[in-house]
C-alpha cells in the first residue's frame, strides 16, 4: 500500500551547514527506507539516497529544503530525515562530534 507523495520543509540550523558528515547521515537514513526520497533547494531536486547529490545542494545554515518521499514507508522516511535536521546532525555544544 503506497502512502502517496508526502513532503515537509526543513531548515538547516547546523552552523556548519550540510557538509560531508550530515550528508552521509541523510543518505544512510534515506537508504533505510523503500520510499523514493528527494531534497529540493530552489530549482535543484536531488536523490536523498546519494551523498554526492546532497553535497551539490550547498545547504548552508538557514537554508530551507523541501523533503519529499513517495512509497510505502514515506511517512517514516520523512520523519527520519526531519529528525536529523531537528537534532542538528548531533553537532554543536550539546552533541560533540565523535572522533
Protein backbone atom coordinates (compact mmCIF):
# COMPACT_ATOMS: atom_id res chain seq x y z
CA UNK A 1 0.00 0.00 0.00
CA UNK A 2 1.52 3.32 -1.05
CA UNK A 3 1.27 6.40 1.13
CA UNK A 4 1.49 8.65 -1.91
CA UNK A 5 3.80 11.65 -2.10
CA UNK A 6 4.40 13.35 1.21
CA UNK A 7 6.51 16.45 1.84
CA UNK A 8 7.93 18.52 4.66
CA UNK A 9 10.07 21.64 4.74
CA UNK A 10 13.17 21.56 6.95
CA UNK A 11 15.63 24.32 7.81
CA UNK A 12 19.37 23.84 8.15
CA UNK A 13 20.21 25.16 11.62
CA UNK A 14 23.59 23.48 11.94
CA UNK A 15 26.16 26.34 11.86
CA UNK A 16 28.39 24.29 9.54
CA UNK A 17 25.54 23.61 7.12
CA UNK A 18 25.12 20.25 5.40
CA UNK A 19 28.76 19.23 4.97
CA UNK A 20 30.06 15.69 4.37
CA UNK A 21 29.13 14.16 7.74
CA UNK A 22 25.49 15.37 7.76
CA UNK A 23 25.17 14.44 4.08
CA UNK A 24 26.33 10.93 4.95
CA UNK A 25 23.79 10.76 7.80
CA UNK A 26 20.99 11.85 5.45
CA UNK A 27 21.95 9.32 2.78
CA UNK A 28 22.28 6.46 5.29
CA UNK A 29 18.91 7.31 6.83
CA UNK A 30 17.25 7.59 3.41
CA UNK A 31 18.67 4.24 2.33
CA UNK A 32 16.92 2.52 5.25
CA UNK A 33 13.59 3.09 3.52
CA UNK A 34 11.99 1.74 0.35
CA UNK A 35 10.41 5.11 -0.41
CA UNK A 36 11.88 7.38 -3.06
CA UNK A 37 13.19 10.40 -1.17
CA UNK A 38 14.28 13.72 -2.64
CA UNK A 39 15.59 17.03 -1.35
CA UNK A 40 14.85 20.26 -3.18
CA UNK A 41 16.61 23.62 -2.85
CA UNK A 42 15.21 26.22 -5.23
CA UNK A 43 15.08 24.58 -8.66
CA UNK A 44 17.56 21.82 -7.78
CA UNK A 45 15.96 18.49 -6.83
CA UNK A 46 18.23 15.59 -5.85
CA UNK A 47 18.05 11.98 -4.68
CA UNK A 48 18.43 11.94 -0.89
CA UNK A 49 19.99 8.48 -1.05
CA UNK A 50 23.13 9.88 -2.74
CA UNK A 51 25.71 11.63 -0.55
CA UNK A 52 27.30 13.32 -3.58
CA UNK A 53 23.95 14.65 -4.75
CA UNK A 54 23.23 16.00 -1.28
CA UNK A 55 26.53 17.88 -1.27
CA UNK A 56 25.62 19.59 -4.57
CA UNK A 57 22.83 21.43 -2.72
CA UNK A 58 25.41 23.53 -0.83
CA UNK A 59 22.90 23.82 2.01
CA UNK A 60 24.31 26.42 4.40
CA UNK A 61 22.88 27.40 7.78
CA UNK A 62 19.47 28.98 7.26
CA UNK A 63 18.72 27.13 4.01
CA UNK A 64 15.22 25.69 3.67
CA UNK A 65 14.93 22.35 1.92
CA UNK A 66 11.83 20.51 0.77
CA UNK A 67 11.95 16.82 1.66
CA UNK A 68 9.64 14.64 -0.42
CA UNK A 69 9.01 10.93 -0.05
CA UNK A 70 6.85 8.55 -2.03
CA UNK A 71 6.29 4.90 -1.25
CA UNK A 72 5.01 2.51 1.37
CA UNK A 73 7.15 3.93 4.19
CA UNK A 74 7.09 7.57 3.07
CA UNK A 75 5.93 8.99 6.43
CA UNK A 76 8.62 7.13 8.35
CA UNK A 77 11.22 8.32 5.83
CA UNK A 78 10.12 11.95 6.20
CA UNK A 79 10.15 11.67 9.98
CA UNK A 80 13.64 10.11 9.97
CA UNK A 81 15.15 12.79 7.73
CA UNK A 82 13.42 15.64 9.60
CA UNK A 83 14.72 14.31 12.92
CA UNK A 84 18.32 14.65 11.68
CA UNK A 85 17.75 18.33 10.94
CA UNK A 86 15.97 18.82 14.28
CA UNK A 87 19.00 17.32 16.11
CA UNK A 88 21.47 19.45 14.09
CA UNK A 89 23.02 16.17 12.96
CA UNK A 90 24.25 15.63 16.54
CA UNK A 91 26.71 18.51 16.19
CA UNK A 92 27.22 21.53 18.43
CA UNK A 93 27.87 22.02 22.13
CA UNK A 94 25.18 19.56 23.20
CA UNK A 95 26.37 16.93 20.71
CA UNK A 96 30.15 16.71 20.36
CA UNK A 97 31.27 15.20 17.07
CA UNK A 98 32.67 11.69 17.61
CA UNK A 99 36.34 11.14 16.71
